[in-house]
Amino acid sequence: MKKDRLDGAGTGALIGVTLLLAINQVVIIEVNAGLQPVFFAGLRSALAVVFVGLWLRWRGRPPRLRREHLAPGLAMGAVFAGEFLCLFLALDLTALGRASVIFYTMPLWLALMAHFGLPGERITPLRAAGLLLAFAGAAIAILIRQPGSGGSLAGDLLALAAALGWAGTAFLAKASRLRDAGAEMQLFWMVLVSGPLLLLAAPLFGPLIRELTVYHIWGLLFQSSIVVAGGFALWLWLLSVYPSATVASFSFLTPIFAIALGSLIYGEPVTVPLLVAAGLVAAGIVLINRRA
């Protein structure tokens, strides 16, 4: 049943799913120690095809690959592959908190793409203020690097490229023929196409296996099932029940959680520039997703 405002159950579910997405980034870092990042991303998508397919069957809508969806499906899958190639490499090279803050500037880039490519998605003065805040936050996160803060500029730029890829998949979901297929079928196309592409690209990035243990295999299974099929499905359900702008605005919690987890687990310093960057990005996300 569609609701016009957020209730207690919805708030709890949103906090839970944003925390899960932050934990997901910790899992990526952990599994990267056992599997080369691009190979890991490819295996995750390949396994997710099974889990998402089972989810669709359980929902009574088994996946159907239609001819008219082939071109946009291939395009979305390719962009999705590029997004996670960059994100998994970024989390191998830079600090968790900073990578998450940069990655979650996605609404900024989607709003710019939608302004020029989607009818009815013009940038209003309120959204323009949000764009400026999010852009300032990304600039601070990338350019102001204090000694001992960890990570690398290459990793930060890869996180930015991943944010652009995420925005690209969201844009194609709205602008292509796949918009009529539903979000779950879009996700099926993305994992179906990205798996083979990432696995083919993986040998270009070094040895496929690092120091693999059962712990890393469990992390891979967690990514493929709980995060992709479970977490993404819950997010889609929340979007279908509660106002989409309200749900989208809650995404600002994920980089906040990621900063806390990075500090608690990896001892990453919580610097003033990082907190300022996170605050600006969070405020920008909220304004971008608000409607006049």
C-alpha atoms as a PDB file:
ATOM      1  CA  MET A   1       0.000   0.000   0.000  1.00  0.00           C
ATOM      2  CA  LYS A   2       1.393   3.356  -1.045  1.00  0.00           C
ATOM      3  CA  LYS A   3       1.949   5.804   1.832  1.00  0.00           C
ATOM      4  CA  ASP A   4       2.249   9.570   1.574  1.00  0.00           C
ATOM      5  CA  ARG A   5       4.676   9.948   4.484  1.00  0.00           C
ATOM      6  CA  LEU A   6       7.369   8.031   6.316  1.00  0.00           C
ATOM      7  CA  ASP A   7       6.273   6.051   9.394  1.00  0.00           C
ATOM      8  CA  GLY A   8       8.247   4.304  12.129  1.00  0.00           C
ATOM      9  CA  ALA A   9       8.591   1.030  10.226  1.00  0.00           C
ATOM     10  CA  GLY A  10       9.792   2.822   7.117  1.00  0.00           C
ATOM     11  CA  THR A  11      12.311   4.874   9.081  1.00  0.00           C
ATOM     12  CA  GLY A  12      13.709   1.752  10.728  1.00  0.00           C
ATOM     13  CA  ALA A  13      13.950  -0.071   7.404  1.00  0.00           C
ATOM     14  CA  LEU A  14      15.684   2.898   5.751  1.00  0.00           C
ATOM     15  CA  ILE A  15      18.244   3.182   8.539  1.00  0.00           C
ATOM     16  CA  GLY A  16      18.822  -0.577   8.308  1.00  0.00           C
ATOM     17  CA  VAL A  17      19.352  -0.629   4.544  1.00  0.00           C
ATOM     18  CA  THR A  18      21.678   2.400   4.578  1.00  0.00           C
ATOM     19  CA  LEU A  19      23.734   0.731   7.335  1.00  0.00           C
ATOM     20  CA  LEU A  20      23.809  -2.472   5.256  1.00  0.00           C
ATOM     21  CA  LEU A  21      25.168  -0.511   2.281  1.00  0.00           C
ATOM     22  CA  ALA A  22      27.929   0.914   4.494  1.00  0.00           C
ATOM     23  CA  ILE A  23      28.757  -2.568   5.829  1.00  0.00           C
ATOM     24  CA  ASN A  24      28.805  -3.692   2.197  1.00  0.00           C
ATOM     25  CA  GLN A  25      31.796  -1.420   1.575  1.00  0.00           C
ATOM     26  CA  VAL A  26      33.620  -2.965   4.535  1.00  0.00           C
ATOM     27  CA  VAL A  27      32.940  -6.408   3.044  1.00  0.00           C
ATOM     28  CA  ILE A  28      34.415  -5.260  -0.280  1.00  0.00           C
ATOM     29  CA  ILE A  29      37.637  -4.202   1.461  1.00  0.00           C
ATOM     30  CA  GLU A  30      37.819  -7.491   3.360  1.00  0.00           C
ATOM     31  CA  VAL A  31      37.205  -9.719   0.335  1.00  0.00           C
ATOM     32  CA  ASN A  32      39.647  -7.671  -1.764  1.00  0.00           C
ATOM     33  CA  ALA A  33      42.356  -9.178   0.458  1.00  0.00           C
ATOM     34  CA  GLY A  34      41.512 -12.624  -0.914  1.00  0.00           C
ATOM     35  CA  LEU A  35      40.307 -11.886  -4.441  1.00  0.00           C
ATOM     36  CA  GLN A  36      41.525  -9.363  -6.977  1.00  0.00           C
ATOM     37  CA  PRO A  37      38.903  -6.549  -6.925  1.00  0.00           C
ATOM     38  CA  VAL A  38      37.711  -6.761 -10.552  1.00  0.00           C
ATOM     39  CA  PHE A  39      37.544 -10.576 -10.399  1.00  0.00           C
ATOM     40  CA  PHE A  40      35.593 -10.273  -7.140  1.00  0.00           C
ATOM     41  CA  ALA A  41      33.154  -7.810  -8.737  1.00  0.00           C
ATOM     42  CA  GLY A  42      32.633 -10.170 -11.678  1.00  0.00           C
ATOM     43  CA  LEU A  43      32.007 -13.189  -9.450  1.00  0.00           C
ATOM     44  CA  ARG A  44      29.561 -11.148  -7.398  1.00  0.00           C
ATOM     45  CA  SER A  45      27.517 -10.196 -10.467  1.00  0.00           C
ATOM     46  CA  ALA A  46      27.621 -13.751 -11.833  1.00  0.00           C
ATOM     47  CA  LEU A  47      26.310 -15.191  -8.565  1.00  0.00           C
ATOM     48  CA  ALA A  48      23.793 -12.369  -8.207  1.00  0.00           C
ATOM     49  CA  VAL A  49      22.166 -13.467 -11.492  1.00  0.00           C
ATOM     50  CA  VAL A  50      21.065 -16.628  -9.667  1.00  0.00           C
ATOM     51  CA  PHE A  51      19.865 -14.839  -6.525  1.00  0.00           C
ATOM     52  CA  VAL A  52      18.027 -12.055  -8.382  1.00  0.00           C
ATOM     53  CA  GLY A  53      16.479 -14.615 -10.740  1.00  0.00           C
ATOM     54  CA  LEU A  54      15.226 -16.649  -7.768  1.00  0.00           C
ATOM     55  CA  TRP A  55      13.852 -13.468  -6.187  1.00  0.00           C
ATOM     56  CA  LEU A  56      11.932 -12.627  -9.377  1.00  0.00           C
ATOM     57  CA  ARG A  57      10.521 -16.157  -9.567  1.00  0.00           C
ATOM     58  CA  TRP A  58       9.456 -15.995  -5.924  1.00  0.00           C
ATOM     59  CA  ARG A  59       7.669 -12.736  -6.747  1.00  0.00           C
ATOM     60  CA  GLY A  60       5.822 -14.554  -9.543  1.00  0.00           C
ATOM     61  CA  ARG A  61       7.625 -12.604 -12.272  1.00  0.00           C
ATOM     62  CA  PRO A  62      10.354 -14.863 -13.706  1.00  0.00           C
ATOM     63  CA  PRO A  63      12.937 -12.931 -15.740  1.00  0.00           C
ATOM     64  CA  ARG A  64      12.067 -12.473 -19.421  1.00  0.00           C
ATOM     65  CA  LEU A  65      14.655 -11.110 -21.836  1.00  0.00           C
ATOM     66  CA  ARG A  66      12.724  -9.172 -24.470  1.00  0.00           C
ATOM     67  CA  ARG A  67      14.207  -8.119 -27.808  1.00  0.00           C
ATOM     68  CA  GLU A  68      13.243  -4.469 -27.338  1.00  0.00           C
ATOM     69  CA  HIS A  69      15.198  -4.422 -24.069  1.00  0.00           C
ATOM     70  CA  LEU A  70      18.399  -5.871 -25.543  1.00  0.00           C
ATOM     71  CA  ALA A  71      20.176  -2.611 -26.469  1.00  0.00           C
ATOM     72  CA  PRO A  72      19.337  -0.675 -23.279  1.00  0.00           C
ATOM     73  CA  GLY A  73      20.001  -3.802 -21.196  1.00  0.00           C
ATOM     74  CA  LEU A  74      23.469  -4.201 -22.696  1.00  0.00           C
ATOM     75  CA  ALA A  75      24.144  -0.488 -22.176  1.00  0.00           C
ATOM     76  CA  MET A  76      23.022  -0.526 -18.541  1.00  0.00           C
ATOM     77  CA  GLY A  77      25.007  -3.676 -17.858  1.00  0.00           C
ATOM     78  CA  ALA A  78      28.153  -2.193 -19.376  1.00  0.00           C
ATOM     79  CA  VAL A  79      27.854   1.019 -17.341  1.00  0.00           C
ATOM     80  CA  PHE A  80      27.104  -1.035 -14.224  1.00  0.00           C
ATOM     81  CA  ALA A  81      30.264  -3.057 -14.872  1.00  0.00           C
ATOM     82  CA  GLY A  82      32.315   0.130 -15.153  1.00  0.00           C
ATOM     83  CA  GLU A  83      30.765   1.478 -11.953  1.00  0.00           C
ATOM     84  CA  PHE A  84      31.739  -1.499  -9.846  1.00  0.00           C
ATOM     85  CA  LEU A  85      35.100  -1.983 -11.501  1.00  0.00           C
ATOM     86  CA  CYS A  86      35.943   1.538 -10.325  1.00  0.00           C
ATOM     87  CA  LEU A  87      34.346   1.174  -6.877  1.00  0.00           C
ATOM     88  CA  PHE A  88      36.023  -2.130  -6.008  1.00  0.00           C
ATOM     89  CA  LEU A  89      39.392  -0.773  -7.143  1.00  0.00           C
ATOM     90  CA  ALA A  90      38.794   2.482  -5.241  1.00  0.00           C
ATOM     91  CA  LEU A  91      38.178   0.617  -1.993  1.00  0.00           C
ATOM     92  CA  ASP A  92      41.436  -1.243  -2.606  1.00  0.00           C
ATOM     93  CA  LEU A  93      43.373   2.023  -2.893  1.00  0.00           C
ATOM     94  CA  THR A  94      41.814   4.666  -0.672  1.00  0.00           C
ATOM     95  CA  ALA A  95      40.235   5.113   2.752  1.00  0.00           C
ATOM     96  CA  LEU A  96      36.721   3.742   3.299  1.00  0.00           C
ATOM     97  CA  GLY A  97      35.220   6.977   4.631  1.00  0.00           C
ATOM     98  CA  ARG A  98      36.544   9.217   1.882  1.00  0.00           C
ATOM     99  CA  ALA A  99      35.649   6.739  -0.883  1.00  0.00           C
ATOM    100  CA  SER A 100      32.084   6.538   0.444  1.00  0.00           C
ATOM    101  CA  VAL A 101      31.653  10.321   0.661  1.00  0.00           C
ATOM    102  CA  ILE A 102      32.844  10.707  -2.938  1.00  0.00           C
ATOM    103  CA  PHE A 103      30.778   7.754  -4.218  1.00  0.00           C
ATOM    104  CA  TYR A 104      27.595   9.152  -2.670  1.00  0.00           C
ATOM    105  CA  THR A 105      27.844  12.335  -4.703  1.00  0.00           C
ATOM    106  CA  MET A 106      25.902  10.309  -7.283  1.00  0.00           C
ATOM    107  CA  PRO A 107      22.692  12.432  -6.966  1.00  0.00           C
ATOM    108  CA  LEU A 108      24.740  15.449  -8.094  1.00  0.00           C
ATOM    109  CA  TRP A 109      25.748  13.794 -11.366  1.00  0.00           C
ATOM    110  CA  LEU A 110      22.315  12.239 -11.932  1.00  0.00           C
ATOM    111  CA  ALA A 111      20.632  15.621 -11.477  1.00  0.00           C
ATOM    112  CA  LEU A 112      22.960  17.147 -14.087  1.00  0.00           C
ATOM    113  CA  MET A 113      22.328  14.297 -16.546  1.00  0.00           C
ATOM    114  CA  ALA A 114      18.557  14.492 -15.968  1.00  0.00           C
ATOM    115  CA  HIS A 115      18.525  18.276 -16.473  1.00  0.00           C
ATOM    116  CA  PHE A 116      19.799  17.854 -20.022  1.00  0.00           C
ATOM    117  CA  GLY A 117      18.329  14.451 -20.892  1.00  0.00           C
ATOM    118  CA  LEU A 118      14.991  13.944 -19.127  1.00  0.00           C
ATOM    119  CA  PRO A 119      11.814  16.014 -19.528  1.00  0.00           C
ATOM    120  CA  GLY A 120      10.449  17.450 -16.307  1.00  0.00           C
ATOM    121  CA  GLU A 121      13.766  17.084 -14.452  1.00  0.00           C
ATOM    122  CA  ARG A 122      14.992  20.660 -14.669  1.00  0.00           C
ATOM    123  CA  ILE A 123      17.324  22.042 -12.027  1.00  0.00           C
ATOM    124  CA  THR A 124      15.373  24.351  -9.720  1.00  0.00           C
ATOM    125  CA  PRO A 125      17.041  26.968  -7.480  1.00  0.00           C
ATOM    126  CA  LEU A 126      16.687  24.596  -4.506  1.00  0.00           C
ATOM    127  CA  ARG A 127      18.277  21.714  -6.385  1.00  0.00           C
ATOM    128  CA  ALA A 128      20.986  24.015  -7.706  1.00  0.00           C
ATOM    129  CA  ALA A 129      21.918  24.833  -4.105  1.00  0.00           C
ATOM    130  CA  GLY A 130      22.098  21.114  -3.402  1.00  0.00           C
ATOM    131  CA  LEU A 131      24.336  20.568  -6.436  1.00  0.00           C
ATOM    132  CA  LEU A 132      26.752  23.262  -5.267  1.00  0.00           C
ATOM    133  CA  LEU A 133      26.911  21.813  -1.759  1.00  0.00           C
ATOM    134  CA  ALA A 134      27.514  18.249  -2.992  1.00  0.00           C
ATOM    135  CA  PHE A 135      30.138  19.430  -5.490  1.00  0.00           C
ATOM    136  CA  ALA A 136      31.940  21.381  -2.759  1.00  0.00           C
ATOM    137  CA  GLY A 137      31.890  18.294  -0.537  1.00  0.00           C
ATOM    138  CA  ALA A 138      33.405  16.125  -3.280  1.00  0.00           C
ATOM    139  CA  ALA A 139      36.087  18.723  -3.995  1.00  0.00           C
ATOM    140  CA  ILE A 140      37.065  18.932  -0.320  1.00  0.00           C
ATOM    141  CA  ALA A 141      37.185  15.129   0.018  1.00  0.00           C
ATOM    142  CA  ILE A 142      39.464  14.779  -3.021  1.00  0.00           C
ATOM    143  CA  LEU A 143      41.673  17.872  -2.774  1.00  0.00           C
ATOM    144  CA  ILE A 144      42.222  18.372   0.965  1.00  0.00           C
ATOM    145  CA  ARG A 145      44.373  15.463   2.062  1.00  0.00           C
ATOM    146  CA  GLN A 146      45.893  15.652   5.529  1.00  0.00           C
ATOM    147  CA  PRO A 147      49.001  13.611   6.441  1.00  0.00           C
ATOM    148  CA  GLY A 148      48.120  10.190   7.770  1.00  0.00           C
ATOM    149  CA  SER A 149      44.561  10.239   6.433  1.00  0.00           C
ATOM    150  CA  GLY A 150      45.262   7.186   4.269  1.00  0.00           C
ATOM    151  CA  GLY A 151      44.388   6.322   0.716  1.00  0.00           C
ATOM    152  CA  SER A 152      45.488   7.743  -2.587  1.00  0.00           C
ATOM    153  CA  LEU A 153      44.382  10.290  -5.154  1.00  0.00           C
ATOM    154  CA  ALA A 154      43.980   7.478  -7.703  1.00  0.00           C
ATOM    155  CA  GLY A 155      41.544   5.723  -5.372  1.00  0.00           C
ATOM    156  CA  ASP A 156      39.576   8.922  -4.804  1.00  0.00           C
ATOM    157  CA  LEU A 157      39.271   9.533  -8.547  1.00  0.00           C
ATOM    158  CA  LEU A 158      38.136   5.941  -9.082  1.00  0.00           C
ATOM    159  CA  ALA A 159      35.419   6.510  -6.457  1.00  0.00           C
ATOM    160  CA  LEU A 160      34.345   9.605  -8.405  1.00  0.00           C
ATOM    161  CA  ALA A 161      34.235   7.573 -11.640  1.00  0.00           C
ATOM    162  CA  ALA A 162      32.109   4.970  -9.829  1.00  0.00           C
ATOM    163  CA  ALA A 163      29.673   7.727  -8.773  1.00  0.00           C
ATOM    164  CA  LEU A 164      29.384   8.817 -12.411  1.00  0.00           C
ATOM    165  CA  GLY A 165      28.736   5.189 -13.411  1.00  0.00           C
ATOM    166  CA  TRP A 166      26.022   4.847 -10.761  1.00  0.00           C
ATOM    167  CA  ALA A 167      24.386   8.014 -12.046  1.00  0.00           C
ATOM    168  CA  GLY A 168      24.663   6.655 -15.590  1.00  0.00           C
ATOM    169  CA  THR A 169      22.779   3.457 -14.749  1.00  0.00           C
ATOM    170  CA  ALA A 170      20.059   5.455 -12.964  1.00  0.00           C
ATOM    171  CA  PHE A 171      19.783   7.788 -15.956  1.00  0.00           C
ATOM    172  CA  LEU A 172      19.453   4.880 -18.406  1.00  0.00           C
ATOM    173  CA  ALA A 173      16.836   3.290 -16.142  1.00  0.00           C
ATOM    174  CA  LYS A 174      14.709   6.410 -16.594  1.00  0.00           C
ATOM    175  CA  ALA A 175      15.577   7.348 -20.187  1.00  0.00           C
ATOM    176  CA  SER A 176      15.600   3.981 -22.000  1.00  0.00           C
ATOM    177  CA  ARG A 177      12.926   1.424 -22.879  1.00  0.00           C
ATOM    178  CA  LEU A 178      13.916  -0.531 -19.796  1.00  0.00           C
ATOM    179  CA  ARG A 179      11.994   1.965 -17.652  1.00  0.00           C
ATOM    180  CA  ASP A 180       8.858  -0.080 -18.405  1.00  0.00           C
ATOM    181  CA  ALA A 181      10.457  -3.359 -17.338  1.00  0.00           C
ATOM    182  CA  GLY A 182      10.568  -2.471 -13.645  1.00  0.00           C
ATOM    183  CA  ALA A 183      13.498  -1.903 -11.324  1.00  0.00           C
ATOM    184  CA  GLU A 184      13.998  -5.576 -10.458  1.00  0.00           C
ATOM    185  CA  MET A 185      14.269  -6.568 -14.133  1.00  0.00           C
ATOM    186  CA  GLN A 186      16.685  -3.684 -14.668  1.00  0.00           C
ATOM    187  CA  LEU A 187      18.833  -5.097 -11.869  1.00  0.00           C
ATOM    188  CA  PHE A 188      18.694  -8.537 -13.520  1.00  0.00           C
ATOM    189  CA  TRP A 189      19.971  -7.058 -16.796  1.00  0.00           C
ATOM    190  CA  MET A 190      22.754  -5.224 -14.975  1.00  0.00           C
ATOM    191  CA  VAL A 191      24.138  -8.279 -13.189  1.00  0.00           C
ATOM    192  CA  LEU A 192      23.590 -10.525 -16.224  1.00  0.00           C
ATOM    193  CA  VAL A 193      25.686  -8.310 -18.501  1.00  0.00           C
ATOM    194  CA  SER A 194      28.244  -7.010 -15.990  1.00  0.00           C
ATOM    195  CA  GLY A 195      29.318 -10.456 -14.770  1.00  0.00           C
ATOM    196  CA  PRO A 196      30.909 -11.647 -18.038  1.00  0.00           C
ATOM    197  CA  LEU A 197      32.359  -8.200 -18.802  1.00  0.00           C
ATOM    198  CA  LEU A 198      34.077  -7.943 -15.416  1.00  0.00           C
ATOM    199  CA  LEU A 199      35.352 -11.513 -15.530  1.00  0.00           C
ATOM    200  CA  LEU A 200      36.833 -10.911 -19.003  1.00  0.00           C
ATOM    201  CA  ALA A 201      38.483  -7.677 -17.827  1.00  0.00           C
ATOM    202  CA  ALA A 202      39.811  -9.123 -14.558  1.00  0.00           C
ATOM    203  CA  PRO A 203      43.082 -10.637 -15.921  1.00  0.00           C
ATOM    204  CA  LEU A 204      44.158  -7.139 -16.982  1.00  0.00           C
ATOM    205  CA  PHE A 205      44.385  -6.098 -13.325  1.00  0.00           C
ATOM    206  CA  GLY A 206      46.774  -8.722 -12.008  1.00  0.00           C
ATOM    207  CA  PRO A 207      46.532 -12.196 -10.439  1.00  0.00           C
ATOM    208  CA  LEU A 208      42.942 -13.244  -9.788  1.00  0.00           C
ATOM    209  CA  ILE A 209      43.586 -14.862  -6.409  1.00  0.00           C
ATOM    210  CA  ARG A 210      45.379 -13.158  -3.531  1.00  0.00           C
ATOM    211  CA  GLU A 211      45.240 -14.889  -0.130  1.00  0.00           C
ATOM    212  CA  LEU A 212      41.869 -16.609  -0.454  1.00  0.00           C
ATOM    213  CA  THR A 213      40.239 -18.165   2.626  1.00  0.00           C
ATOM    214  CA  VAL A 214      36.765 -19.433   3.526  1.00  0.00           C
ATOM    215  CA  TYR A 215      36.176 -16.048   5.171  1.00  0.00           C
ATOM    216  CA  HIS A 216      36.492 -14.323   1.782  1.00  0.00           C
ATOM    217  CA  ILE A 217      34.153 -16.831   0.129  1.00  0.00           C
ATOM    218  CA  TRP A 218      31.508 -16.104   2.756  1.00  0.00           C
ATOM    219  CA  GLY A 219      31.970 -12.403   2.047  1.00  0.00           C
ATOM    220  CA  LEU A 220      31.416 -13.031  -1.669  1.00  0.00           C
ATOM    221  CA  LEU A 221      28.203 -14.953  -0.939  1.00  0.00           C
ATOM    222  CA  PHE A 222      27.045 -12.204   1.423  1.00  0.00           C
ATOM    223  CA  GLN A 223      27.602  -9.618  -1.319  1.00  0.00           C
ATOM    224  CA  SER A 224      25.763 -11.611  -3.974  1.00  0.00           C
ATOM    225  CA  SER A 225      22.746 -12.596  -1.884  1.00  0.00           C
ATOM    226  CA  ILE A 226      22.164 -10.301   1.089  1.00  0.00           C
ATOM    227  CA  VAL A 227      23.447  -7.062  -0.478  1.00  0.00           C
ATOM    228  CA  VAL A 228      22.493  -7.351  -4.159  1.00  0.00           C
ATOM    229  CA  ALA A 229      19.347  -9.488  -4.007  1.00  0.00           C
ATOM    230  CA  GLY A 230      18.235  -8.620  -0.456  1.00  0.00           C
ATOM    231  CA  GLY A 231      19.387  -5.056   0.193  1.00  0.00           C
ATOM    232  CA  PHE A 232      18.623  -3.752  -3.280  1.00  0.00           C
ATOM    233  CA  ALA A 233      15.226  -5.484  -3.249  1.00  0.00           C
ATOM    234  CA  LEU A 234      14.361  -3.881   0.109  1.00  0.00           C
ATOM    235  CA  TRP A 235      15.420  -0.482  -1.248  1.00  0.00           C
ATOM    236  CA  LEU A 236      13.169  -0.973  -4.290  1.00  0.00           C
ATOM    237  CA  TRP A 237      10.274  -1.976  -2.035  1.00  0.00           C
ATOM    238  CA  LEU A 238      10.747   1.152   0.077  1.00  0.00           C
ATOM    239  CA  LEU A 239      10.683   3.269  -3.095  1.00  0.00           C
ATOM    240  CA  SER A 240       7.417   1.613  -4.112  1.00  0.00           C
ATOM    241  CA  VAL A 241       5.713   2.260  -0.751  1.00  0.00           C
ATOM    242  CA  TYR A 242       7.062   5.612   0.505  1.00  0.00           C
ATOM    243  CA  PRO A 243       7.671   8.937  -1.300  1.00  0.00           C
ATOM    244  CA  SER A 244      10.726   8.421  -3.521  1.00  0.00           C
ATOM    245  CA  ALA A 245      12.276  11.792  -2.635  1.00  0.00           C
ATOM    246  CA  THR A 246      12.144  10.945   1.071  1.00  0.00           C
ATOM    247  CA  VAL A 247      13.658   7.500   0.524  1.00  0.00           C
ATOM    248  CA  ALA A 248      16.412   8.865  -1.721  1.00  0.00           C
ATOM    249  CA  SER A 249      17.273  11.581   0.784  1.00  0.00           C
ATOM    250  CA  PHE A 250      18.124   8.932   3.385  1.00  0.00           C
ATOM    251  CA  SER A 251      21.096   7.795   1.278  1.00  0.00           C
ATOM    252  CA  PHE A 252      23.158  10.509   3.002  1.00  0.00           C
ATOM    253  CA  LEU A 253      23.361   8.174   6.026  1.00  0.00           C
ATOM    254  CA  THR A 254      25.518   5.622   4.233  1.00  0.00           C
ATOM    255  CA  PRO A 255      28.710   7.738   4.001  1.00  0.00           C
ATOM    256  CA  ILE A 256      28.185   8.817   7.631  1.00  0.00           C
ATOM    257  CA  PHE A 257      28.015   5.166   8.688  1.00  0.00           C
ATOM    258  CA  ALA A 258      31.026   4.390   6.454  1.00  0.00           C
ATOM    259  CA  ILE A 259      33.140   7.066   8.158  1.00  0.00           C
ATOM    260  CA  ALA A 260      32.246   5.593  11.564  1.00  0.00           C
ATOM    261  CA  LEU A 261      33.005   2.032  10.435  1.00  0.00           C
ATOM    262  CA  GLY A 262      36.289   3.104   8.838  1.00  0.00           C
ATOM    263  CA  SER A 263      37.360   4.657  12.125  1.00  0.00           C
ATOM    264  CA  LEU A 264      36.206   1.739  14.305  1.00  0.00           C
ATOM    265  CA  ILE A 265      37.494  -1.114  12.130  1.00  0.00           C
ATOM    266  CA  TYR A 266      40.511   0.310  10.307  1.00  0.00           C
ATOM    267  CA  GLY A 267      41.511   3.184  12.560  1.00  0.00           C
ATOM    268  CA  GLU A 268      40.986   5.760   9.820  1.00  0.00           C
ATOM    269  CA  PRO A 269      41.321   9.298  11.185  1.00  0.00           C
ATOM    270  CA  VAL A 270      38.097  11.298  11.239  1.00  0.00           C
ATOM    271  CA  THR A 271      39.481  14.643  10.103  1.00  0.00           C
ATOM    272  CA  VAL A 272      37.700  17.989  10.039  1.00  0.00           C
ATOM    273  CA  PRO A 273      37.879  18.257   6.202  1.00  0.00           C
ATOM    274  CA  LEU A 274      36.314  14.786   5.868  1.00  0.00           C
ATOM    275  CA  LEU A 275      33.474  15.672   8.237  1.00  0.00           C
ATOM    276  CA  VAL A 276      32.896  18.952   6.403  1.00  0.00           C
ATOM    277  CA  ALA A 277      32.876  17.103   3.069  1.00  0.00           C
ATOM    278  CA  ALA A 278      30.402  14.519   4.405  1.00  0.00           C
ATOM    279  CA  GLY A 279      28.151  17.254   5.798  1.00  0.00           C
ATOM    280  CA  LEU A 280      28.100  19.151   2.522  1.00  0.00           C
ATOM    281  CA  VAL A 281      27.378  16.016   0.490  1.00  0.00           C
ATOM    282  CA  ALA A 282      24.603  14.995   2.922  1.00  0.00           C
ATOM    283  CA  ALA A 283      22.978  18.438   2.747  1.00  0.00           C
ATOM    284  CA  GLY A 284      23.312  18.419  -1.030  1.00  0.00           C
ATOM    285  CA  ILE A 285      21.621  15.010  -1.322  1.00  0.00           C
ATOM    286  CA  VAL A 286      18.674  16.179   0.763  1.00  0.00           C
ATOM    287  CA  LEU A 287      18.200  19.367  -1.268  1.00  0.00           C
ATOM    288  CA  ILE A 288      18.620  17.619  -4.632  1.00  0.00           C
ATOM    289  CA  ASN A 289      15.902  15.121  -3.749  1.00  0.00           C
ATOM    290  CA  ARG A 290      13.453  17.655  -2.377  1.00  0.00           C
ATOM    291  CA  ARG A 291      10.573  18.755  -4.528  1.00  0.00           C
ATOM    292  CA  ALA A 292       9.190  22.284  -4.504  1.00  0.00           C
END
